[in-house]
C-alpha atoms as a PDB file:
ATOM      1  CA  ILE A   1      15.638  84.685  -6.227  1.00  0.00           C
ATOM      2  CA  PRO A   2      15.368  84.069  -1.840  1.00  0.00           C
ATOM      3  CA  MET A   3      17.361  81.505  -0.893  1.00  0.00           C
ATOM      4  CA  ALA A   4      18.124  79.387   2.465  1.00  0.00           C
ATOM      5  CA  ALA A   5      21.186  81.444   3.721  1.00  0.00           C
ATOM      6  CA  ALA A   6      21.421  78.502   6.058  1.00  0.00           C
ATOM      7  CA  PHE A   7      19.801  75.225   7.340  1.00  0.00           C
ATOM      8  CA  LEU A   8      16.147  76.030   8.279  1.00  0.00           C
ATOM      9  CA  ALA A   9      14.562  73.332  10.998  1.00  0.00           C
ATOM     10  CA  PRO A  10      11.294  73.449  11.301  1.00  0.00           C
ATOM     11  CA  GLY A  11       9.911  75.820  14.159  1.00  0.00           C
ATOM     12  CA  THR A  12      12.553  78.631  12.845  1.00  0.00           C
ATOM     13  CA  LYS A  13      10.960  82.055  12.694  1.00  0.00           C
ATOM     14  CA  ILE A  14      12.873  83.359   9.320  1.00  0.00           C
ATOM     15  CA  THR A  15      14.418  86.784   9.460  1.00  0.00           C
ATOM     16  CA  GLU A  16      16.343  88.624   6.908  1.00  0.00           C
ATOM     17  CA  ALA A  17      19.399  86.814   7.900  1.00  0.00           C
ATOM     18  CA  HIS A  18      18.119  83.436   7.277  1.00  0.00           C
ATOM     19  CA  ILE A  19      18.009  84.864   3.541  1.00  0.00           C
ATOM     20  CA  GLY A  20      20.248  85.275   0.359  1.00  0.00           C
ATOM     21  CA  ASN A  21      19.437  85.806  -3.070  1.00  0.00           C
ATOM     22  CA  GLY A  22      21.099  83.766  -5.553  1.00  0.00           C
ATOM     23  CA  PRO A  23      20.250  82.784 -10.166  1.00  0.00           C
ATOM     24  CA  PHE A  24      17.956  79.880 -10.087  1.00  0.00           C
ATOM     25  CA  PRO A  25      17.229  78.697 -13.555  1.00  0.00           C
ATOM     26  CA  GLU A  26      14.115  80.100 -13.928  1.00  0.00           C
ATOM     27  CA  ASN A  27      12.685  76.716 -16.283  1.00  0.00           C
ATOM     28  CA  GLU A  28      13.139  74.706 -13.042  1.00  0.00           C
ATOM     29  CA  LEU A  29      10.775  77.306 -10.784  1.00  0.00           C
ATOM     30  CA  LYS A  30       7.748  76.173  -9.422  1.00  0.00           C
ATOM     31  CA  GLU A  31       4.418  77.626  -9.039  1.00  0.00           C
ATOM     32  CA  ASP A  32       4.780  78.052  -5.441  1.00  0.00           C
ATOM     33  CA  HIS A  33       8.582  79.139  -5.346  1.00  0.00           C
ATOM     34  CA  LEU A  34       8.558  82.463  -3.598  1.00  0.00           C
ATOM     35  CA  ARG A  35      10.573  85.290  -4.763  1.00  0.00           C
ATOM     36  CA  ALA A  36      10.423  88.265  -2.504  1.00  0.00           C
ATOM     37  CA  ASN A  37      11.406  87.867   0.952  1.00  0.00           C
ATOM     38  CA  ARG A  38       8.910  90.353   2.478  1.00  0.00           C
ATOM     39  CA  VAL A  39       6.478  87.388   1.645  1.00  0.00           C
ATOM     40  CA  ILE A  40       9.246  84.679   3.496  1.00  0.00           C
ATOM     41  CA  VAL A  41       9.849  87.317   7.291  1.00  0.00           C
ATOM     42  CA  GLY A  42       8.665  86.386   9.477  1.00  0.00           C
ATOM     43  CA  ARG A  43       6.630  83.048   8.524  1.00  0.00           C
ATOM     44  CA  ILE A  44       7.930  79.713   9.876  1.00  0.00           C
ATOM     45  CA  VAL A  45       9.545  76.838   8.564  1.00  0.00           C
ATOM     46  CA  LYS A  46       7.061  73.977   9.002  1.00  0.00           C
ATOM     47  CA  GLU A  47       9.510  71.261   6.528  1.00  0.00           C
ATOM     48  CA  ALA A  48      13.467  71.778   6.469  1.00  0.00           C
ATOM     49  CA  ILE A  49      15.084  73.280   4.113  1.00  0.00           C
ATOM     50  CA  LYS A  50      18.403  72.746   2.582  1.00  0.00           C
ATOM     51  CA  PRO A  51      21.113  75.766   2.170  1.00  0.00           C
ATOM     52  CA  GLY A  52      21.296  77.876  -1.223  1.00  0.00           C
ATOM     53  CA  THR A  53      17.881  76.238  -2.412  1.00  0.00           C
ATOM     54  CA  PRO A  54      14.631  78.749  -3.266  1.00  0.00           C
ATOM     55  CA  ILE A  55      11.944  78.588  -0.456  1.00  0.00           C
ATOM     56  CA  ARG A  56       8.668  77.137  -1.509  1.00  0.00           C
ATOM     57  CA  GLY A  57       5.441  77.956   0.166  1.00  0.00           C
ATOM     58  CA  SER A  58       4.619  74.648   0.670  1.00  0.00           C
ATOM     59  CA  GLN A  59       7.913  74.755   3.213  1.00  0.00           C
ATOM     60  CA  LEU A  60       5.909  77.849   5.401  1.00  0.00           C
ATOM     61  CA  TYR A  61       3.516  77.947   7.531  1.00  0.00           C
ATOM     62  CA  GLU A  62       0.611  80.635   6.384  1.00  0.00           C
ATOM     63  CA  PRO A  63       1.421  84.236   7.471  1.00  0.00           C
ATOM     64  CA  GLY A  64       0.426  84.209  11.434  1.00  0.00           C
ATOM     65  CA  GLU A  65       0.491  80.654  11.774  1.00  0.00           C
ATOM     66  CA  ASN A  66       2.520  79.378  14.124  1.00  0.00           C
ATOM     67  CA  ALA A  67       3.709  75.531  14.085  1.00  0.00           C
ATOM     68  CA  PRO A  68       1.088  73.540  16.094  1.00  0.00           C
ATOM     69  CA  LEU A  69       1.196  72.667  19.808  1.00  0.00           C
ATOM     70  CA  GLN A  70       2.708  69.128  20.592  1.00  0.00           C
ATOM     71  CA  VAL A  71       2.116  68.021  24.161  1.00  0.00           C
ATOM     72  CA  ALA A  72       2.681  64.694  25.878  1.00  0.00           C
ATOM     73  CA  GLU A  73      -0.612  62.734  26.837  1.00  0.00           C
ATOM     74  CA  GLY A  74      -1.616  64.028  30.196  1.00  0.00           C
ATOM     75  CA  LYS A  75       0.636  67.140  30.547  1.00  0.00           C
ATOM     76  CA  LYS A  76      -0.740  70.890  29.738  1.00  0.00           C
ATOM     77  CA  ALA A  77       0.922  73.662  28.290  1.00  0.00           C
ATOM     78  CA  VAL A  78       1.022  76.598  30.686  1.00  0.00           C
ATOM     79  CA  SER A  79       2.844  79.972  29.109  1.00  0.00           C
ATOM     80  CA  ILE A  80       4.359  82.177  32.051  1.00  0.00           C
ATOM     81  CA  ALA A  81       5.459  85.752  30.931  1.00  0.00           C
ATOM     82  CA  VAL A  82       9.023  86.413  32.448  1.00  0.00           C
ATOM     83  CA  LYS A  83      10.190  90.152  32.692  1.00  0.00           C
ATOM     84  CA  ASP A  84      14.178  89.722  32.918  1.00  0.00           C
ATOM     85  CA  SER A  85      16.162  87.643  31.151  1.00  0.00           C
ATOM     86  CA  ALA A  86      18.660  86.591  33.965  1.00  0.00           C
ATOM     87  CA  GLU A  87      15.489  84.865  35.163  1.00  0.00           C
ATOM     88  CA  MET A  88      15.716  82.887  32.084  1.00  0.00           C
ATOM     89  CA  VAL A  89      19.344  81.241  32.506  1.00  0.00           C
ATOM     90  CA  ASP A  90      20.381  84.547  30.451  1.00  0.00           C
ATOM     91  CA  GLY A  91      18.363  83.228  27.039  1.00  0.00           C
ATOM     92  CA  LEU A  92      20.545  80.102  27.573  1.00  0.00           C
ATOM     93  CA  ILE A  93      18.070  77.549  28.168  1.00  0.00           C
ATOM     94  CA  ARG A  94      15.992  76.735  24.755  1.00  0.00           C
ATOM     95  CA  PRO A  95      12.610  74.238  23.838  1.00  0.00           C
ATOM     96  CA  GLY A  96      13.472  70.843  24.572  1.00  0.00           C
ATOM     97  CA  ASP A  97      15.337  71.674  27.807  1.00  0.00           C
ATOM     98  CA  TYR A  98      14.639  70.491  31.012  1.00  0.00           C
ATOM     99  CA  VAL A  99      13.956  73.355  33.989  1.00  0.00           C
ATOM    100  CA  ASP A 100      13.447  73.348  38.343  1.00  0.00           C
ATOM    101  CA  VAL A 101      10.952  76.590  38.203  1.00  0.00           C
ATOM    102  CA  HIS A 102      11.184  78.164  41.427  1.00  0.00           C
ATOM    103  CA  PHE A 103       9.389  80.821  43.104  1.00  0.00           C
ATOM    104  CA  ASN A 104      10.705  84.342  44.566  1.00  0.00           C
ATOM    105  CA  LEU A 105       8.429  86.466  47.076  1.00  0.00           C
ATOM    106  CA  ASP A 106      10.446  89.722  48.294  1.00  0.00           C
ATOM    107  CA  ALA A 107      10.380  91.800  51.638  1.00  0.00           C
ATOM    108  CA  GLN A 108       7.913  93.434  50.277  1.00  0.00           C
ATOM    109  CA  ARG A 109       5.139  91.775  48.540  1.00  0.00           C
ATOM    110  CA  ALA A 110       5.664  89.265  51.957  1.00  0.00           C
ATOM    111  CA  VAL A 111       4.099  91.938  53.997  1.00  0.00           C
ATOM    112  CA  GLY A 112       0.412  91.076  55.213  1.00  0.00           C
ATOM    113  CA  ILE A 113       1.287  87.334  54.439  1.00  0.00           C
ATOM    114  CA  ASP A 114       3.552  86.090  57.515  1.00  0.00           C
ATOM    115  CA  ASP A 115       5.477  88.939  59.671  1.00  0.00           C
ATOM    116  CA  ARG A 116       8.319  86.038  59.620  1.00  0.00           C
ATOM    117  CA  LEU A 117       9.138  86.608  55.887  1.00  0.00           C
ATOM    118  CA  VAL A 118       9.455  90.302  56.292  1.00  0.00           C
ATOM    119  CA  ARG A 119      11.954  89.372  58.540  1.00  0.00           C
ATOM    120  CA  LEU A 120      13.969  86.690  56.906  1.00  0.00           C
ATOM    121  CA  GLY A 121      14.203  89.820  53.720  1.00  0.00           C
ATOM    122  CA  GLY A 122      11.250  87.747  51.499  1.00  0.00           C
ATOM    123  CA  LEU A 123      11.932  83.455  50.394  1.00  0.00           C
ATOM    124  CA  SER A 124      12.774  81.747  47.980  1.00  0.00           C
ATOM    125  CA  MET A 125      11.397  77.859  46.832  1.00  0.00           C
ATOM    126  CA  THR A 126      11.876  75.258  44.277  1.00  0.00           C
ATOM    127  CA  LEU A 127       8.028  75.135  43.190  1.00  0.00           C
ATOM    128  CA  LEU A 128       8.736  71.940  40.199  1.00  0.00           C
ATOM    129  CA  LYS A 129      11.524  70.111  38.803  1.00  0.00           C
ATOM    130  CA  GLY A 130      12.707  68.717  35.725  1.00  0.00           C
ATOM    131  CA  VAL A 131       9.932  70.412  33.831  1.00  0.00           C
ATOM    132  CA  LYS A 132      10.135  70.347  29.871  1.00  0.00           C
ATOM    133  CA  VAL A 133       9.959  74.073  27.866  1.00  0.00           C
ATOM    134  CA  LEU A 134       8.143  73.423  24.903  1.00  0.00           C
ATOM    135  CA  ALA A 135       8.598  77.329  23.515  1.00  0.00           C
ATOM    136  CA  LEU A 136       9.922  81.153  24.244  1.00  0.00           C
ATOM    137  CA  ASN A 137       8.412  83.919  23.188  1.00  0.00           C
ATOM    138  CA  LYS A 138       6.111  81.875  20.963  1.00  0.00           C
ATOM    139  CA  GLY A 139       8.987  80.110  19.236  1.00  0.00           C
ATOM    140  CA  PHE A 140      10.169  76.560  18.897  1.00  0.00           C
ATOM    141  CA  ARG A 141      13.608  77.163  18.861  1.00  0.00           C
ATOM    142  CA  GLN A 142      16.253  79.407  20.770  1.00  0.00           C
ATOM    143  CA  SER A 143      16.475  82.533  19.943  1.00  0.00           C
ATOM    144  CA  ALA A 144      17.108  85.833  21.425  1.00  0.00           C
ATOM    145  CA  LEU A 145      15.196  87.653  24.136  1.00  0.00           C
ATOM    146  CA  LEU A 146      13.434  90.432  24.251  1.00  0.00           C
ATOM    147  CA  PRO A 147      14.359  93.720  26.607  1.00  0.00           C
ATOM    148  CA  ALA A 148      11.585  92.750  28.309  1.00  0.00           C
ATOM    149  CA  GLY A 149       7.658  90.681  28.042  1.00  0.00           C
ATOM    150  CA  ASN A 150       9.513  87.286  27.705  1.00  0.00           C
ATOM    151  CA  SER A 151       7.376  84.140  27.405  1.00  0.00           C
ATOM    152  CA  VAL A 152       8.402  80.070  28.402  1.00  0.00           C
ATOM    153  CA  THR A 153       5.919  77.697  27.596  1.00  0.00           C
ATOM    154  CA  LEU A 154       5.894  74.843  29.674  1.00  0.00           C
ATOM    155  CA  GLU A 155       4.908  71.804  29.875  1.00  0.00           C
ATOM    156  CA  LEU A 156       2.969  70.327  32.622  1.00  0.00           C
ATOM    157  CA  ALA A 157       1.430  68.026  34.946  1.00  0.00           C
ATOM    158  CA  PRO A 158      -1.852  69.491  35.932  1.00  0.00           C
ATOM    159  CA  ASP A 159      -1.228  69.576  39.937  1.00  0.00           C
ATOM    160  CA  GLN A 160       2.410  71.378  38.499  1.00  0.00           C
ATOM    161  CA  THR A 161      -0.279  73.620  36.570  1.00  0.00           C
ATOM    162  CA  ASN A 162      -2.256  75.003  39.742  1.00  0.00           C
ATOM    163  CA  VAL A 163       0.385  75.334  41.549  1.00  0.00           C
ATOM    164  CA  LEU A 164       2.195  77.815  38.666  1.00  0.00           C
ATOM    165  CA  LEU A 165      -0.228  79.429  37.879  1.00  0.00           C
ATOM    166  CA  VAL A 166      -1.416  80.072  41.929  1.00  0.00           C
ATOM    167  CA  ALA A 167       2.299  81.267  42.378  1.00  0.00           C
ATOM    168  CA  GLN A 168       2.794  83.555  39.207  1.00  0.00           C
ATOM    169  CA  PRO A 169       1.021  86.523  40.427  1.00  0.00           C
ATOM    170  CA  ARG A 170       2.192  86.476  44.016  1.00  0.00           C
ATOM    171  CA  GLY A 171       5.860  86.469  43.044  1.00  0.00           C
ATOM    172  CA  VAL A 172       8.493  86.057  41.161  1.00  0.00           C
ATOM    173  CA  ILE A 173       8.794  82.577  38.829  1.00  0.00           C
ATOM    174  CA  SER A 174      12.303  81.861  38.075  1.00  0.00           C
ATOM    175  CA  PHE A 175      14.349  78.848  36.049  1.00  0.00           C
ATOM    176  CA  SER A 176      17.163  77.194  36.151  1.00  0.00           C
ATOM    177  CA  PHE A 177      18.606  74.560  33.909  1.00  0.00           C
ATOM    178  CA  ASN A 178      17.863  70.775  35.192  1.00  0.00           C
ATOM    179  CA  PRO A 179      20.919  68.552  33.630  1.00  0.00           C
ATOM    180  CA  ASP A 180      18.825  65.711  34.895  1.00  0.00           C
ATOM    181  CA  GLY A 181      16.507  66.306  32.601  1.00  0.00           C
ATOM    182  CA  GLU A 182      12.967  64.495  33.355  1.00  0.00           C
ATOM    183  CA  GLY A 183      11.190  65.072  36.662  1.00  0.00           C
ATOM    184  CA  ASP A 184       8.851  63.154  38.390  1.00  0.00           C
ATOM    185  CA  GLY A 185       5.612  65.435  37.560  1.00  0.00           C
ATOM    186  CA  GLN A 186       4.920  66.351  40.985  1.00  0.00           C
ATOM    187  CA  ILE A 187       5.245  69.353  42.751  1.00  0.00           C
ATOM    188  CA  ALA A 188       8.746  69.397  44.544  1.00  0.00           C
ATOM    189  CA  LEU A 189       7.832  70.556  47.996  1.00  0.00           C
ATOM    190  CA  ASN A 190       5.112  69.552  50.803  1.00  0.00           C
END
């Protein structure tokens, strides 16, 4: 029957690589032990699953259901579309990490906004510092990035949320890893 091939932490989206098949005494099988990969793959782990153990339905969220989003009091969760993996530190950031959020405006987008920006070739500025990453591509664990269409879900103070939502459609948002951890919840520029 299907078993965990390695330790499966809560929040893991199960793929074929997470599952192996092995023997298990029939008299020890419970009613909710899942017996086919097709009902396991794609589901999210709710409770930790030890390697080499059969997978029970109660250890997983229902098909199509995600783990609940946990946001600190007074904060909001905001997802940002990211076009290129380089904008996400090539996929090296993971949920739980802290990042600085940058806004980049190239010369073409600056036309009609400010001629100085066109002459300079655009601009880049840090909007937010020490923002917590809650999820990547709807997952609470680090995972491979898609060639296009990735998203990052951030935990932001209300003012930070407003600034980011105004900036996003006007340029490119990118991230840098912040080893200093959590910021002050303020906007990083005047």
